[in-house]
Amino acid sequence: MSRKEQTPAQISTFTMMMIFIVLAISFAAIILAIQAYSVYENQFAAAYLTFIGILGIALSLYTIMQVRRRLARLKIETPPVITTIECKKCGFKSVREFQRGDYVFKEVEPCRKCNENMIITAIYREFKEKRKETTSF
């Protein structure tokens, strides 16, 4: 069983809606800038509209990149659940991944050594401790 990575909540619909509204307004500003420059020959208005359009597109793309980066950083890795199986007669121990339906003191497959039924003695999560890097001066 592979480790499952759970992703936290995705980008909210409100945020995505606001980003797309800003993108739409930005594209409209660029279209108006082209129209102002070509039809009305107003270079001053065309420059402002172009600046607003490019700024809006840049901010929208930056926001999308930052939200995606944050979501990628927040992925939660669930540690594996381990089941320990032990033979009452000979003391043979076996460790395997948790399977649905496992519970403590449940009788499972026969022992490999003495062919007696084995029981589950422990179910636990295996945590790996993260080492903190220390800097010395």
Protein backbone atom coordinates (compact mmCIF):
# COMPACT_ATOMS: atom_id res chain seq x y z
CA MET A 1 0.00 0.00 0.00
CA SER A 2 1.52 3.29 -1.03
CA ARG A 3 1.41 6.41 1.07
CA LYS A 4 -1.51 8.59 0.20
CA GLU A 5 -1.02 12.28 -0.18
CA GLN A 6 -4.05 14.32 0.68
CA THR A 7 -4.45 17.74 -0.75
CA PRO A 8 -6.05 20.40 1.33
CA ALA A 9 -8.96 22.42 0.04
CA GLN A 10 -8.55 23.58 -3.51
CA ILE A 11 -8.61 27.16 -4.70
CA SER A 12 -11.88 28.70 -3.60
CA THR A 13 -14.43 29.46 -6.28
CA PHE A 14 -14.63 33.07 -5.12
CA THR A 15 -10.89 33.55 -5.64
CA MET A 16 -10.98 31.94 -9.08
CA MET A 17 -14.01 34.03 -10.04
CA MET A 18 -12.23 37.24 -9.00
CA ILE A 19 -9.10 36.26 -10.92
CA PHE A 20 -11.12 35.58 -14.08
CA ILE A 21 -13.02 38.87 -13.71
CA VAL A 22 -9.73 40.76 -13.44
CA LEU A 23 -8.42 38.86 -16.48
CA ALA A 24 -11.56 39.72 -18.48
CA ILE A 25 -11.32 43.40 -17.55
CA SER A 26 -7.61 43.38 -18.43
CA PHE A 27 -8.25 41.91 -21.87
CA ALA A 28 -11.06 44.41 -22.39
CA ALA A 29 -8.65 47.23 -21.47
CA ILE A 30 -6.12 45.99 -24.03
CA ILE A 31 -8.83 45.79 -26.71
CA LEU A 32 -9.96 49.33 -25.83
CA ALA A 33 -6.33 50.47 -26.00
CA ILE A 34 -6.00 49.08 -29.50
CA GLN A 35 -9.25 50.77 -30.47
CA ALA A 36 -8.21 54.09 -28.87
CA TYR A 37 -4.91 54.04 -30.72
CA SER A 38 -6.17 52.98 -34.14
CA VAL A 39 -9.62 54.60 -34.41
CA TYR A 40 -9.40 57.71 -32.22
CA GLU A 41 -5.63 58.17 -32.47
CA ASN A 42 -5.51 58.95 -28.75
CA GLN A 43 -2.07 57.75 -27.69
CA PHE A 44 -2.44 58.97 -24.11
CA ALA A 45 -5.58 56.87 -23.42
CA ALA A 46 -4.12 53.92 -25.33
CA ALA A 47 -0.99 53.97 -23.16
CA TYR A 48 -3.02 54.02 -19.93
CA LEU A 49 -5.35 51.26 -21.06
CA THR A 50 -2.41 49.12 -22.20
CA PHE A 51 -0.70 49.62 -18.84
CA ILE A 52 -3.88 48.69 -16.95
CA GLY A 53 -4.42 45.61 -19.12
CA ILE A 54 -0.86 44.30 -18.79
CA LEU A 55 -0.81 45.01 -15.06
CA GLY A 56 -4.10 43.15 -14.54
CA ILE A 57 -2.93 40.12 -16.53
CA ALA A 58 0.39 40.04 -14.67
CA LEU A 59 -1.29 40.28 -11.25
CA SER A 60 -3.80 37.56 -12.14
CA LEU A 61 -1.10 35.17 -13.34
CA TYR A 62 1.04 35.92 -10.28
CA THR A 63 -1.90 35.20 -7.98
CA ILE A 64 -2.65 31.90 -9.68
CA MET A 65 1.01 30.86 -9.44
CA GLN A 66 1.20 31.77 -5.75
CA VAL A 67 -1.99 29.90 -4.85
CA ARG A 68 -0.83 26.80 -6.73
CA ARG A 69 2.58 26.96 -5.03
CA ARG A 70 0.95 27.24 -1.61
CA LEU A 71 -1.34 24.28 -2.32
CA ALA A 72 1.63 22.19 -3.46
CA ARG A 73 3.50 23.08 -0.25
CA LEU A 74 0.55 22.18 1.98
CA LYS A 75 0.20 18.60 0.81
CA ILE A 76 -0.17 16.35 3.81
CA GLU A 77 1.53 13.00 3.78
CA THR A 78 -0.27 10.42 5.91
CA PRO A 79 2.05 8.01 7.69
CA PRO A 80 1.47 4.30 7.04
CA VAL A 81 -0.58 2.27 9.52
CA ILE A 82 1.21 -0.92 10.63
CA THR A 83 -0.31 -4.12 12.03
CA THR A 84 1.74 -6.44 14.26
CA ILE A 85 0.71 -10.10 14.22
CA GLU A 86 1.99 -12.53 16.85
CA CYS A 87 1.73 -16.27 17.44
CA LYS A 88 0.60 -17.19 20.98
CA LYS A 89 2.31 -20.57 20.88
CA CYS A 90 5.82 -19.97 19.48
CA GLY A 91 6.09 -16.16 19.78
CA PHE A 92 6.70 -15.57 16.05
CA LYS A 93 6.04 -11.94 15.11
CA SER A 94 5.08 -10.55 11.73
CA VAL A 95 4.58 -6.93 10.68
CA ARG A 96 2.43 -5.91 7.72
CA GLU A 97 0.47 -2.94 6.47
CA PHE A 98 -2.96 -2.36 7.96
CA GLN A 99 -5.84 -3.96 6.10
CA ARG A 100 -9.46 -2.93 6.38
CA GLY A 101 -11.17 -4.98 9.09
CA ASP A 102 -8.08 -5.42 11.28
CA TYR A 103 -8.55 -5.03 15.03
CA VAL A 104 -6.52 -6.01 18.10
CA PHE A 105 -6.92 -9.65 19.25
CA LYS A 106 -8.39 -10.68 15.88
CA GLU A 107 -7.32 -14.15 14.80
CA VAL A 108 -5.72 -14.14 11.38
CA GLU A 109 -3.69 -16.48 9.15
CA PRO A 110 -1.85 -19.50 10.56
CA CYS A 111 1.72 -19.20 11.85
CA ARG A 112 4.53 -20.00 9.40
CA LYS A 113 6.43 -21.99 12.02
CA CYS A 114 3.90 -23.93 14.09
CA ASN A 115 0.71 -23.61 11.97
CA GLU A 116 -1.23 -22.21 14.96
CA ASN A 117 -3.59 -19.26 14.42
CA MET A 118 -1.91 -15.89 14.96
CA ILE A 119 -3.55 -12.83 16.53
CA ILE A 120 -3.15 -9.12 15.94
CA THR A 121 -1.37 -7.61 18.93
CA ALA A 122 -0.85 -4.00 17.84
CA ILE A 123 -2.03 -1.46 15.27
CA TYR A 124 -0.12 1.82 15.07
CA ARG A 125 1.06 4.58 12.79
CA GLU A 126 4.71 4.76 11.88
CA PHE A 127 5.99 8.33 12.18
CA LYS A 128 9.28 9.49 10.76
CA GLU A 129 10.75 12.31 12.79
CA LYS A 130 11.86 15.30 10.80
CA ARG A 131 15.33 16.49 11.60
CA LYS A 132 15.66 20.19 12.15
CA GLU A 133 18.73 21.69 10.61
CA THR A 134 20.72 23.74 13.06
CA THR A 135 23.21 26.32 12.01
CA SER A 136 26.24 26.98 14.10
CA PHE A 137 28.15 30.22 13.96
